[in-house]
Amino acid sequence: MDEEVIPILRVGDVAAAVAWYERLGFAKEWEHRFEPGLPAFVEVARGRVRLFLSEHTGDARPGTLVYLRVHDVEAVASEFGVRAEELPWAREIELRDPDGNRLRIGTPAE
């Protein structure tokens, strides 16, 4: 097993959040609820990158910022109808998911 860090993002509606993250190339890996009708906890993955999305009120804070390094930020920018900004370290965009969590997404400068 490789050691890793998996950010937890607070979401209000896990189904809406998963649909949004699928646009970023993530796929739902699994979902857990202690009982039907209770808050959901979901893992989404994009290759080796993983995020936990949690409806539990004690998990994370809305408005969290996560940096996602990708091979082609232009493809992501196109999907969301935004323009990438040229910075000294990367071409970047910043998006907000439906719950206000911020994702800064970039392709490193060569």
PDB file of N, CA and C in Angstrom:
ATOM      1  N   MET A   1       0.832  -1.179   0.000  1.00  0.00           N
ATOM      2  CA  MET A   1       0.000   0.000   0.000  1.00  0.00           C
ATOM      3  C   MET A   1       0.876   1.243   0.000  1.00  0.00           C
ATOM      4  N   ASP A   2       0.550   2.207  -0.857  1.00  0.00           N
ATOM      5  CA  ASP A   2       1.219   3.496  -0.861  1.00  0.00           C
ATOM      6  C   ASP A   2       0.569   4.392   0.184  1.00  0.00           C
ATOM      7  N   GLU A   3       1.369   5.126   0.935  1.00  0.00           N
ATOM      8  CA  GLU A   3       0.814   6.113   1.846  1.00  0.00           C
ATOM      9  C   GLU A   3       0.305   7.292   1.035  1.00  0.00           C
ATOM     10  N   GLU A   4      -0.740   7.933   1.523  1.00  0.00           N
ATOM     11  CA  GLU A   4      -1.318   9.061   0.803  1.00  0.00           C
ATOM     12  C   GLU A   4      -2.094   9.951   1.759  1.00  0.00           C
ATOM     13  N   VAL A   5      -2.418  11.128   1.293  1.00  0.00           N
ATOM     14  CA  VAL A   5      -3.290  12.054   2.000  1.00  0.00           C
ATOM     15  C   VAL A   5      -4.563  12.157   1.180  1.00  0.00           C
ATOM     16  N   ILE A   6      -5.713  12.055   1.846  1.00  0.00           N
ATOM     17  CA  ILE A   6      -6.988  12.175   1.136  1.00  0.00           C
ATOM     18  C   ILE A   6      -7.779  13.307   1.780  1.00  0.00           C
ATOM     19  N   PRO A   7      -7.921  14.445   1.094  1.00  0.00           N
ATOM     20  CA  PRO A   7      -8.720  15.539   1.650  1.00  0.00           C
ATOM     21  C   PRO A   7     -10.188  15.133   1.794  1.00  0.00           C
ATOM     22  N   ILE A   8     -10.824  15.649   2.843  1.00  0.00           N
ATOM     23  CA  ILE A   8     -12.252  15.449   3.054  1.00  0.00           C
ATOM     24  C   ILE A   8     -12.936  16.781   2.799  1.00  0.00           C
ATOM     25  N   LEU A   9     -13.934  16.776   1.921  1.00  0.00           N
ATOM     26  CA  LEU A   9     -14.697  17.977   1.610  1.00  0.00           C
ATOM     27  C   LEU A   9     -16.120  17.801   2.101  1.00  0.00           C
ATOM     28  N   ARG A  10     -16.644  18.828   2.749  1.00  0.00           N
ATOM     29  CA  ARG A  10     -18.020  18.811   3.240  1.00  0.00           C
ATOM     30  C   ARG A  10     -18.954  19.138   2.098  1.00  0.00           C
ATOM     31  N   VAL A  11     -19.981  18.307   1.908  1.00  0.00           N
ATOM     32  CA  VAL A  11     -20.987  18.529   0.867  1.00  0.00           C
ATOM     33  C   VAL A  11     -22.376  18.399   1.473  1.00  0.00           C
ATOM     34  N   GLY A  12     -23.327  19.083   0.894  1.00  0.00           N
ATOM     35  CA  GLY A  12     -24.702  19.018   1.377  1.00  0.00           C
ATOM     36  C   GLY A  12     -25.515  17.933   0.707  1.00  0.00           C
ATOM     37  N   ASP A  13     -25.209  17.648  -0.542  1.00  0.00           N
ATOM     38  CA  ASP A  13     -25.943  16.649  -1.327  1.00  0.00           C
ATOM     39  C   ASP A  13     -24.914  15.824  -2.077  1.00  0.00           C
ATOM     40  N   VAL A  14     -24.633  14.628  -1.582  1.00  0.00           N
ATOM     41  CA  VAL A  14     -23.557  13.825  -2.148  1.00  0.00           C
ATOM     42  C   VAL A  14     -23.821  13.465  -3.612  1.00  0.00           C
ATOM     43  N   ALA A  15     -25.065  13.236  -3.999  1.00  0.00           N
ATOM     44  CA  ALA A  15     -25.359  12.886  -5.396  1.00  0.00           C
ATOM     45  C   ALA A  15     -25.010  14.047  -6.327  1.00  0.00           C
ATOM     46  N   ALA A  16     -25.371  15.265  -5.940  1.00  0.00           N
ATOM     47  CA  ALA A  16     -25.036  16.440  -6.751  1.00  0.00           C
ATOM     48  C   ALA A  16     -23.526  16.650  -6.785  1.00  0.00           C
ATOM     49  N   ALA A  17     -22.864  16.443  -5.656  1.00  0.00           N
ATOM     50  CA  ALA A  17     -21.413  16.613  -5.602  1.00  0.00           C
ATOM     51  C   ALA A  17     -20.713  15.591  -6.485  1.00  0.00           C
ATOM     52  N   VAL A  18     -21.126  14.340  -6.417  1.00  0.00           N
ATOM     53  CA  VAL A  18     -20.509  13.302  -7.258  1.00  0.00           C
ATOM     54  C   VAL A  18     -20.687  13.649  -8.728  1.00  0.00           C
ATOM     55  N   ALA A  19     -21.870  14.091  -9.129  1.00  0.00           N
ATOM     56  CA  ALA A  19     -22.106  14.464 -10.537  1.00  0.00           C
ATOM     57  C   ALA A  19     -21.163  15.590 -10.961  1.00  0.00           C
ATOM     58  N   TRP A  20     -20.951  16.573 -10.084  1.00  0.00           N
ATOM     59  CA  TRP A  20     -20.055  17.684 -10.401  1.00  0.00           C
ATOM     60  C   TRP A  20     -18.618  17.191 -10.527  1.00  0.00           C
ATOM     61  N   TYR A  21     -18.168  16.365  -9.590  1.00  0.00           N
ATOM     62  CA  TYR A  21     -16.795  15.856  -9.627  1.00  0.00           C
ATOM     63  C   TYR A  21     -16.566  14.915 -10.810  1.00  0.00           C
ATOM     64  N   GLU A  22     -17.607  14.266 -11.282  1.00  0.00           N
ATOM     65  CA  GLU A  22     -17.474  13.444 -12.498  1.00  0.00           C
ATOM     66  C   GLU A  22     -17.090  14.315 -13.695  1.00  0.00           C
ATOM     67  N   ARG A  23     -17.552  15.548 -13.734  1.00  0.00           N
ATOM     68  CA  ARG A  23     -17.156  16.475 -14.808  1.00  0.00           C
ATOM     69  C   ARG A  23     -15.660  16.768 -14.762  1.00  0.00           C
ATOM     70  N   LEU A  24     -15.053  16.629 -13.579  1.00  0.00           N
ATOM     71  CA  LEU A  24     -13.604  16.824 -13.415  1.00  0.00           C
ATOM     72  C   LEU A  24     -12.823  15.544 -13.707  1.00  0.00           C
ATOM     73  N   GLY A  25     -13.521  14.479 -14.080  1.00  0.00           N
ATOM     74  CA  GLY A  25     -12.845  13.230 -14.389  1.00  0.00           C
ATOM     75  C   GLY A  25     -12.763  12.261 -13.225  1.00  0.00           C
ATOM     76  N   PHE A  26     -13.438  12.571 -12.109  1.00  0.00           N
ATOM     77  CA  PHE A  26     -13.479  11.665 -10.976  1.00  0.00           C
ATOM     78  C   PHE A  26     -14.581  10.632 -11.181  1.00  0.00           C
ATOM     79  N   ALA A  27     -14.437   9.487 -10.558  1.00  0.00           N
ATOM     80  CA  ALA A  27     -15.464   8.448 -10.565  1.00  0.00           C
ATOM     81  C   ALA A  27     -15.737   8.036  -9.127  1.00  0.00           C
ATOM     82  N   LYS A  28     -16.988   7.763  -8.836  1.00  0.00           N
ATOM     83  CA  LYS A  28     -17.365   7.310  -7.499  1.00  0.00           C
ATOM     84  C   LYS A  28     -16.830   5.900  -7.275  1.00  0.00           C
ATOM     85  N   GLU A  29     -16.086   5.718  -6.189  1.00  0.00           N
ATOM     86  CA  GLU A  29     -15.511   4.421  -5.853  1.00  0.00           C
ATOM     87  C   GLU A  29     -16.428   3.645  -4.907  1.00  0.00           C
ATOM     88  N   TRP A  30     -16.948   4.315  -3.880  1.00  0.00           N
ATOM     89  CA  TRP A  30     -17.841   3.677  -2.923  1.00  0.00           C
ATOM     90  C   TRP A  30     -18.588   4.732  -2.127  1.00  0.00           C
ATOM     91  N   GLU A  31     -19.664   4.288  -1.468  1.00  0.00           N
ATOM     92  CA  GLU A  31     -20.478   5.162  -0.616  1.00  0.00           C
ATOM     93  C   GLU A  31     -20.823   4.404   0.662  1.00  0.00           C
ATOM     94  N   HIS A  32     -20.815   5.118   1.793  1.00  0.00           N
ATOM     95  CA  HIS A  32     -21.172   4.504   3.074  1.00  0.00           C
ATOM     96  C   HIS A  32     -22.201   5.371   3.790  1.00  0.00           C
ATOM     97  N   ARG A  33     -23.206   4.718   4.356  1.00  0.00           N
ATOM     98  CA  ARG A  33     -24.172   5.336   5.273  1.00  0.00           C
ATOM     99  C   ARG A  33     -24.337   4.372   6.440  1.00  0.00           C
ATOM    100  N   PHE A  34     -24.395   4.888   7.654  1.00  0.00           N
ATOM    101  CA  PHE A  34     -24.589   4.012   8.805  1.00  0.00           C
ATOM    102  C   PHE A  34     -25.957   3.335   8.752  1.00  0.00           C
ATOM    103  N   GLU A  35     -26.954   4.058   8.243  1.00  0.00           N
ATOM    104  CA  GLU A  35     -28.305   3.525   8.054  1.00  0.00           C
ATOM    105  C   GLU A  35     -28.938   4.319   6.921  1.00  0.00           C
ATOM    106  N   PRO A  36     -29.951   3.739   6.243  1.00  0.00           N
ATOM    107  CA  PRO A  36     -30.649   4.506   5.205  1.00  0.00           C
ATOM    108  C   PRO A  36     -31.160   5.828   5.766  1.00  0.00           C
ATOM    109  N   GLY A  37     -31.011   6.879   4.981  1.00  0.00           N
ATOM    110  CA  GLY A  37     -31.483   8.199   5.382  1.00  0.00           C
ATOM    111  C   GLY A  37     -30.480   9.009   6.183  1.00  0.00           C
ATOM    112  N   LEU A  38     -29.401   8.386   6.644  1.00  0.00           N
ATOM    113  CA  LEU A  38     -28.367   9.126   7.372  1.00  0.00           C
ATOM    114  C   LEU A  38     -27.364   9.712   6.377  1.00  0.00           C
ATOM    115  N   PRO A  39     -26.523  10.650   6.832  1.00  0.00           N
ATOM    116  CA  PRO A  39     -25.558  11.284   5.924  1.00  0.00           C
ATOM    117  C   PRO A  39     -24.652  10.265   5.234  1.00  0.00           C
ATOM    118  N   ALA A  40     -24.262  10.618   4.016  1.00  0.00           N
ATOM    119  CA  ALA A  40     -23.392   9.753   3.201  1.00  0.00           C
ATOM    120  C   ALA A  40     -21.945  10.202   3.302  1.00  0.00           C
ATOM    121  N   PHE A  41     -21.055   9.247   3.086  1.00  0.00           N
ATOM    122  CA  PHE A  41     -19.616   9.470   3.006  1.00  0.00           C
ATOM    123  C   PHE A  41     -19.157   8.719   1.764  1.00  0.00           C
ATOM    124  N   VAL A  42     -18.544   9.429   0.810  1.00  0.00           N
ATOM    125  CA  VAL A  42     -18.239   8.870  -0.506  1.00  0.00           C
ATOM    126  C   VAL A  42     -16.774   9.098  -0.840  1.00  0.00           C
ATOM    127  N   GLU A  43     -16.190   8.147  -1.554  1.00  0.00           N
ATOM    128  CA  GLU A  43     -14.861   8.344  -2.129  1.00  0.00           C
ATOM    129  C   GLU A  43     -15.008   8.505  -3.635  1.00  0.00           C
ATOM    130  N   VAL A  44     -14.358   9.546  -4.186  1.00  0.00           N
ATOM    131  CA  VAL A  44     -14.248   9.714  -5.635  1.00  0.00           C
ATOM    132  C   VAL A  44     -12.761   9.676  -5.987  1.00  0.00           C
ATOM    133  N   ALA A  45     -12.473   9.170  -7.180  1.00  0.00           N
ATOM    134  CA  ALA A  45     -11.079   9.036  -7.591  1.00  0.00           C
ATOM    135  C   ALA A  45     -10.903   9.450  -9.039  1.00  0.00           C
ATOM    136  N   ARG A  46      -9.741  10.011  -9.294  1.00  0.00           N
ATOM    137  CA  ARG A  46      -9.298  10.370 -10.641  1.00  0.00           C
ATOM    138  C   ARG A  46      -7.887   9.824 -10.738  1.00  0.00           C
ATOM    139  N   GLY A  47      -7.738   8.635 -11.321  1.00  0.00           N
ATOM    140  CA  GLY A  47      -6.439   7.981 -11.307  1.00  0.00           C
ATOM    141  C   GLY A  47      -6.072   7.678  -9.868  1.00  0.00           C
ATOM    142  N   ARG A  48      -4.891   8.128  -9.455  1.00  0.00           N
ATOM    143  CA  ARG A  48      -4.441   7.901  -8.075  1.00  0.00           C
ATOM    144  C   ARG A  48      -4.868   9.005  -7.109  1.00  0.00           C
ATOM    145  N   VAL A  49      -5.541  10.043  -7.620  1.00  0.00           N
ATOM    146  CA  VAL A  49      -6.012  11.144  -6.779  1.00  0.00           C
ATOM    147  C   VAL A  49      -7.369  10.771  -6.186  1.00  0.00           C
ATOM    148  N   ARG A  50      -7.503  10.939  -4.891  1.00  0.00           N
ATOM    149  CA  ARG A  50      -8.738  10.580  -4.200  1.00  0.00           C
ATOM    150  C   ARG A  50      -9.234  11.740  -3.348  1.00  0.00           C
ATOM    151  N   LEU A  51     -10.556  11.859  -3.267  1.00  0.00           N
ATOM    152  CA  LEU A  51     -11.206  12.811  -2.374  1.00  0.00           C
ATOM    153  C   LEU A  51     -12.313  12.079  -1.635  1.00  0.00           C
ATOM    154  N   PHE A  52     -12.517  12.447  -0.381  1.00  0.00           N
ATOM    155  CA  PHE A  52     -13.679  11.993   0.360  1.00  0.00           C
ATOM    156  C   PHE A  52     -14.684  13.138   0.364  1.00  0.00           C
ATOM    157  N   LEU A  53     -15.942  12.840   0.071  1.00  0.00           N
ATOM    158  CA  LEU A  53     -17.030  13.813   0.115  1.00  0.00           C
ATOM    159  C   LEU A  53     -17.965  13.386   1.232  1.00  0.00           C
ATOM    160  N   SER A  54     -18.202  14.275   2.188  1.00  0.00           N
ATOM    161  CA  SER A  54     -18.949  13.895   3.386  1.00  0.00           C
ATOM    162  C   SER A  54     -20.132  14.824   3.631  1.00  0.00           C
ATOM    163  N   GLU A  55     -21.283  14.208   3.879  1.00  0.00           N
ATOM    164  CA  GLU A  55     -22.472  14.959   4.297  1.00  0.00           C
ATOM    165  C   GLU A  55     -22.502  15.152   5.813  1.00  0.00           C
ATOM    166  N   HIS A  56     -21.580  14.566   6.551  1.00  0.00           N
ATOM    167  CA  HIS A  56     -21.556  14.673   8.011  1.00  0.00           C
ATOM    168  C   HIS A  56     -21.157  16.087   8.421  1.00  0.00           C
ATOM    169  N   THR A  57     -21.976  16.710   9.267  1.00  0.00           N
ATOM    170  CA  THR A  57     -21.744  18.107   9.631  1.00  0.00           C
ATOM    171  C   THR A  57     -20.428  18.330  10.375  1.00  0.00           C
ATOM    172  N   GLY A  58     -19.890  17.334  11.043  1.00  0.00           N
ATOM    173  CA  GLY A  58     -18.637  17.505  11.763  1.00  0.00           C
ATOM    174  C   GLY A  58     -17.398  17.314  10.914  1.00  0.00           C
ATOM    175  N   ASP A  59     -17.572  16.926   9.662  1.00  0.00           N
ATOM    176  CA  ASP A  59     -16.431  16.677   8.764  1.00  0.00           C
ATOM    177  C   ASP A  59     -16.145  17.900   7.916  1.00  0.00           C
ATOM    178  N   ALA A  60     -14.951  18.415   8.035  1.00  0.00           N
ATOM    179  CA  ALA A  60     -14.462  19.511   7.197  1.00  0.00           C
ATOM    180  C   ALA A  60     -15.302  20.777   7.372  1.00  0.00           C
ATOM    181  N   ARG A  61     -14.898  21.785   6.648  1.00  0.00           N
ATOM    182  CA  ARG A  61     -15.578  23.070   6.684  1.00  0.00           C
ATOM    183  C   ARG A  61     -15.897  23.478   5.266  1.00  0.00           C
ATOM    184  N   PRO A  62     -17.072  24.032   5.027  1.00  0.00           N
ATOM    185  CA  PRO A  62     -17.367  24.538   3.680  1.00  0.00           C
ATOM    186  C   PRO A  62     -16.333  25.586   3.272  1.00  0.00           C
ATOM    187  N   GLY A  63     -16.048  25.663   2.008  1.00  0.00           N
ATOM    188  CA  GLY A  63     -15.108  26.651   1.500  1.00  0.00           C
ATOM    189  C   GLY A  63     -13.662  26.207   1.521  1.00  0.00           C
ATOM    190  N   THR A  64     -13.408  24.940   1.782  1.00  0.00           N
ATOM    191  CA  THR A  64     -12.045  24.414   1.803  1.00  0.00           C
ATOM    192  C   THR A  64     -11.390  24.592   0.433  1.00  0.00           C
ATOM    193  N   LEU A  65     -10.072  24.780   0.423  1.00  0.00           N
ATOM    194  CA  LEU A  65      -9.314  24.903  -0.816  1.00  0.00           C
ATOM    195  C   LEU A  65      -8.438  23.671  -0.994  1.00  0.00           C
ATOM    196  N   VAL A  66      -8.551  23.040  -2.176  1.00  0.00           N
ATOM    197  CA  VAL A  66      -7.733  21.886  -2.533  1.00  0.00           C
ATOM    198  C   VAL A  66      -7.028  22.209  -3.848  1.00  0.00           C
ATOM    199  N   TYR A  67      -5.742  21.885  -3.919  1.00  0.00           N
ATOM    200  CA  TYR A  67      -4.997  22.065  -5.165  1.00  0.00           C
ATOM    201  C   TYR A  67      -4.940  20.724  -5.886  1.00  0.00           C
ATOM    202  N   LEU A  68      -5.314  20.729  -7.161  1.00  0.00           N
ATOM    203  CA  LEU A  68      -5.304  19.531  -7.989  1.00  0.00           C
ATOM    204  C   LEU A  68      -4.362  19.762  -9.162  1.00  0.00           C
ATOM    205  N   ARG A  69      -3.281  19.005  -9.218  1.00  0.00           N
ATOM    206  CA  ARG A  69      -2.322  19.107 -10.317  1.00  0.00           C
ATOM    207  C   ARG A  69      -2.724  18.085 -11.369  1.00  0.00           C
ATOM    208  N   VAL A  70      -2.943  18.566 -12.617  1.00  0.00           N
ATOM    209  CA  VAL A  70      -3.395  17.697 -13.712  1.00  0.00           C
ATOM    210  C   VAL A  70      -2.471  17.838 -14.915  1.00  0.00           C
ATOM    211  N   HIS A  71      -2.556  16.870 -15.816  1.00  0.00           N
ATOM    212  CA  HIS A  71      -1.749  16.893 -17.038  1.00  0.00           C
ATOM    213  C   HIS A  71      -2.240  17.956 -18.022  1.00  0.00           C
ATOM    214  N   ASP A  72      -3.556  18.218 -18.065  1.00  0.00           N
ATOM    215  CA  ASP A  72      -4.114  19.117 -19.075  1.00  0.00           C
ATOM    216  C   ASP A  72      -5.190  20.016 -18.474  1.00  0.00           C
ATOM    217  N   VAL A  73      -4.772  21.131 -17.889  1.00  0.00           N
ATOM    218  CA  VAL A  73      -5.721  22.057 -17.291  1.00  0.00           C
ATOM    219  C   VAL A  73      -6.640  22.660 -18.351  1.00  0.00           C
ATOM    220  N   GLU A  74      -6.174  22.740 -19.592  1.00  0.00           N
ATOM    221  CA  GLU A  74      -7.002  23.316 -20.661  1.00  0.00           C
ATOM    222  C   GLU A  74      -8.262  22.486 -20.898  1.00  0.00           C
ATOM    223  N   ALA A  75      -8.160  21.169 -20.792  1.00  0.00           N
ATOM    224  CA  ALA A  75      -9.334  20.303 -20.964  1.00  0.00           C
ATOM    225  C   ALA A  75     -10.353  20.562 -19.853  1.00  0.00           C
ATOM    226  N   VAL A  76      -9.868  20.732 -18.633  1.00  0.00           N
ATOM    227  CA  VAL A  76     -10.768  21.017 -17.508  1.00  0.00           C
ATOM    228  C   VAL A  76     -11.385  22.403 -17.683  1.00  0.00           C
ATOM    229  N   ALA A  77     -10.572  23.372 -18.064  1.00  0.00           N
ATOM    230  CA  ALA A  77     -11.072  24.725 -18.283  1.00  0.00           C
ATOM    231  C   ALA A  77     -12.162  24.730 -19.354  1.00  0.00           C
ATOM    232  N   SER A  78     -11.948  23.993 -20.413  1.00  0.00           N
ATOM    233  CA  SER A  78     -12.939  23.902 -21.488  1.00  0.00           C
ATOM    234  C   SER A  78     -14.248  23.290 -20.990  1.00  0.00           C
ATOM    235  N   GLU A  79     -14.152  22.232 -20.206  1.00  0.00           N
ATOM    236  CA  GLU A  79     -15.353  21.569 -19.658  1.00  0.00           C
ATOM    237  C   GLU A  79     -16.193  22.535 -18.833  1.00  0.00           C
ATOM    238  N   PHE A  80     -15.545  23.447 -18.113  1.00  0.00           N
ATOM    239  CA  PHE A  80     -16.258  24.363 -17.227  1.00  0.00           C
ATOM    240  C   PHE A  80     -16.417  25.769 -17.816  1.00  0.00           C
ATOM    241  N   GLY A  81     -15.960  25.972 -19.051  1.00  0.00           N
ATOM    242  CA  GLY A  81     -16.142  27.256 -19.714  1.00  0.00           C
ATOM    243  C   GLY A  81     -15.383  28.406 -19.087  1.00  0.00           C
ATOM    244  N   VAL A  82     -14.170  28.127 -18.603  1.00  0.00           N
ATOM    245  CA  VAL A  82     -13.330  29.174 -18.021  1.00  0.00           C
ATOM    246  C   VAL A  82     -11.989  29.200 -18.743  1.00  0.00           C
ATOM    247  N   ARG A  83     -11.226  30.277 -18.530  1.00  0.00           N
ATOM    248  CA  ARG A  83      -9.906  30.400 -19.142  1.00  0.00           C
ATOM    249  C   ARG A  83      -8.830  30.193 -18.094  1.00  0.00           C
ATOM    250  N   ALA A  84      -7.794  29.470 -18.475  1.00  0.00           N
ATOM    251  CA  ALA A  84      -6.656  29.259 -17.580  1.00  0.00           C
ATOM    252  C   ALA A  84      -5.791  30.514 -17.537  1.00  0.00           C
ATOM    253  N   GLU A  85      -5.233  30.762 -16.368  1.00  0.00           N
ATOM    254  CA  GLU A  85      -4.344  31.899 -16.176  1.00  0.00           C
ATOM    255  C   GLU A  85      -2.901  31.408 -16.195  1.00  0.00           C
ATOM    256  N   GLU A  86      -2.046  32.147 -16.905  1.00  0.00           N
ATOM    257  CA  GLU A  86      -0.619  31.815 -16.981  1.00  0.00           C
ATOM    258  C   GLU A  86       0.090  32.418 -15.774  1.00  0.00           C
ATOM    259  N   LEU A  87       0.632  31.566 -14.930  1.00  0.00           N
ATOM    260  CA  LEU A  87       1.370  32.003 -13.751  1.00  0.00           C
ATOM    261  C   LEU A  87       2.797  31.480 -13.858  1.00  0.00           C
ATOM    262  N   PRO A  88       3.746  32.007 -13.090  1.00  0.00           N
ATOM    263  CA  PRO A  88       5.130  31.540 -13.209  1.00  0.00           C
ATOM    264  C   PRO A  88       5.299  30.042 -12.939  1.00  0.00           C
ATOM    265  N   TRP A  89       4.454  29.451 -12.113  1.00  0.00           N
ATOM    266  CA  TRP A  89       4.615  28.047 -11.713  1.00  0.00           C
ATOM    267  C   TRP A  89       3.665  27.091 -12.439  1.00  0.00           C
ATOM    268  N   ALA A  90       2.599  27.626 -13.078  1.00  0.00           N
ATOM    269  CA  ALA A  90       1.613  26.745 -13.710  1.00  0.00           C
ATOM    270  C   ALA A  90       0.599  27.554 -14.504  1.00  0.00           C
ATOM    271  N   ARG A  91      -0.145  26.839 -15.341  1.00  0.00           N
ATOM    272  CA  ARG A  91      -1.384  27.383 -15.904  1.00  0.00           C
ATOM    273  C   ARG A  91      -2.476  26.897 -14.977  1.00  0.00           C
ATOM    274  N   GLU A  92      -3.314  27.822 -14.475  1.00  0.00           N
ATOM    275  CA  GLU A  92      -4.277  27.462 -13.438  1.00  0.00           C
ATOM    276  C   GLU A  92      -5.667  28.017 -13.706  1.00  0.00           C
ATOM    277  N   ILE A  93      -6.625  27.317 -13.086  1.00  0.00           N
ATOM    278  CA  ILE A  93      -7.991  27.818 -12.978  1.00  0.00           C
ATOM    279  C   ILE A  93      -8.418  27.602 -11.527  1.00  0.00           C
ATOM    280  N   GLU A  94      -9.481  28.280 -11.125  1.00  0.00           N
ATOM    281  CA  GLU A  94     -10.071  27.999  -9.826  1.00  0.00           C
ATOM    282  C   GLU A  94     -11.567  27.817 -10.020  1.00  0.00           C
ATOM    283  N   LEU A  95     -12.084  26.722  -9.481  1.00  0.00           N
ATOM    284  CA  LEU A  95     -13.505  26.400  -9.566  1.00  0.00           C
ATOM    285  C   LEU A  95     -14.065  26.264  -8.157  1.00  0.00           C
ATOM    286  N   ARG A  96     -15.377  26.391  -8.044  1.00  0.00           N
ATOM    287  CA  ARG A  96     -16.086  26.114  -6.794  1.00  0.00           C
ATOM    288  C   ARG A  96     -17.092  25.003  -7.071  1.00  0.00           C
ATOM    289  N   ASP A  97     -17.090  24.002  -6.196  1.00  0.00           N
ATOM    290  CA  ASP A  97     -18.070  22.934  -6.354  1.00  0.00           C
ATOM    291  C   ASP A  97     -19.434  23.442  -5.877  1.00  0.00           C
ATOM    292  N   PRO A  98     -20.494  22.642  -6.003  1.00  0.00           N
ATOM    293  CA  PRO A  98     -21.835  23.124  -5.620  1.00  0.00           C
ATOM    294  C   PRO A  98     -21.948  23.546  -4.153  1.00  0.00           C
ATOM    295  N   ASP A  99     -21.019  23.125  -3.307  1.00  0.00           N
ATOM    296  CA  ASP A  99     -21.067  23.457  -1.891  1.00  0.00           C
ATOM    297  C   ASP A  99     -20.096  24.569  -1.505  1.00  0.00           C
ATOM    298  N   GLY A 100     -19.456  25.183  -2.496  1.00  0.00           N
ATOM    299  CA  GLY A 100     -18.556  26.295  -2.234  1.00  0.00           C
ATOM    300  C   GLY A 100     -17.119  25.912  -1.952  1.00  0.00           C
ATOM    301  N   ASN A 101     -16.792  24.616  -1.996  1.00  0.00           N
ATOM    302  CA  ASN A 101     -15.398  24.210  -1.848  1.00  0.00           C
ATOM    303  C   ASN A 101     -14.627  24.678  -3.073  1.00  0.00           C
ATOM    304  N   ARG A 102     -13.427  25.195  -2.835  1.00  0.00           N
ATOM    305  CA  ARG A 102     -12.617  25.742  -3.921  1.00  0.00           C
ATOM    306  C   ARG A 102     -11.603  24.701  -4.385  1.00  0.00           C
ATOM    307  N   LEU A 103     -11.484  24.572  -5.704  1.00  0.00           N
ATOM    308  CA  LEU A 103     -10.470  23.709  -6.295  1.00  0.00           C
ATOM    309  C   LEU A 103      -9.610  24.552  -7.205  1.00  0.00           C
ATOM    310  N   ARG A 104      -8.351  24.687  -6.845  1.00  0.00           N
ATOM    311  CA  ARG A 104      -7.378  25.334  -7.719  1.00  0.00           C
ATOM    312  C   ARG A 104      -6.752  24.197  -8.516  1.00  0.00           C
ATOM    313  N   ILE A 105      -6.818  24.313  -9.836  1.00  0.00           N
ATOM    314  CA  ILE A 105      -6.410  23.224 -10.720  1.00  0.00           C
ATOM    315  C   ILE A 105      -5.347  23.756 -11.654  1.00  0.00           C
ATOM    316  N   GLY A 106      -4.219  23.052 -11.742  1.00  0.00           N
ATOM    317  CA  GLY A 106      -3.135  23.567 -12.557  1.00  0.00           C
ATOM    318  C   GLY A 106      -2.302  22.503 -13.228  1.00  0.00           C
ATOM    319  N   THR A 107      -1.687  22.930 -14.324  1.00  0.00           N
ATOM    320  CA  THR A 107      -0.680  22.137 -15.013  1.00  0.00           C
ATOM    321  C   THR A 107       0.635  22.875 -14.822  1.00  0.00           C
ATOM    322  N   PRO A 108       1.641  22.219 -14.217  1.00  0.00           N
ATOM    323  CA  PRO A 108       2.915  22.896 -13.922  1.00  0.00           C
ATOM    324  C   PRO A 108       3.562  23.487 -15.174  1.00  0.00           C
ATOM    325  N   ALA A 109       4.255  24.622 -14.983  1.00  0.00           N
ATOM    326  CA  ALA A 109       5.033  25.222 -16.060  1.00  0.00           C
ATOM    327  C   ALA A 109       6.219  24.318 -16.365  1.00  0.00           C
ATOM    328  N   GLU A 110       6.627  24.331 -17.604  1.00  0.00           N
ATOM    329  CA  GLU A 110       7.760  23.456 -17.978  1.00  0.00           C
ATOM    330  C   GLU A 110       9.073  24.144 -17.733  1.00  0.00           C
TER     331      GLU A 110
END
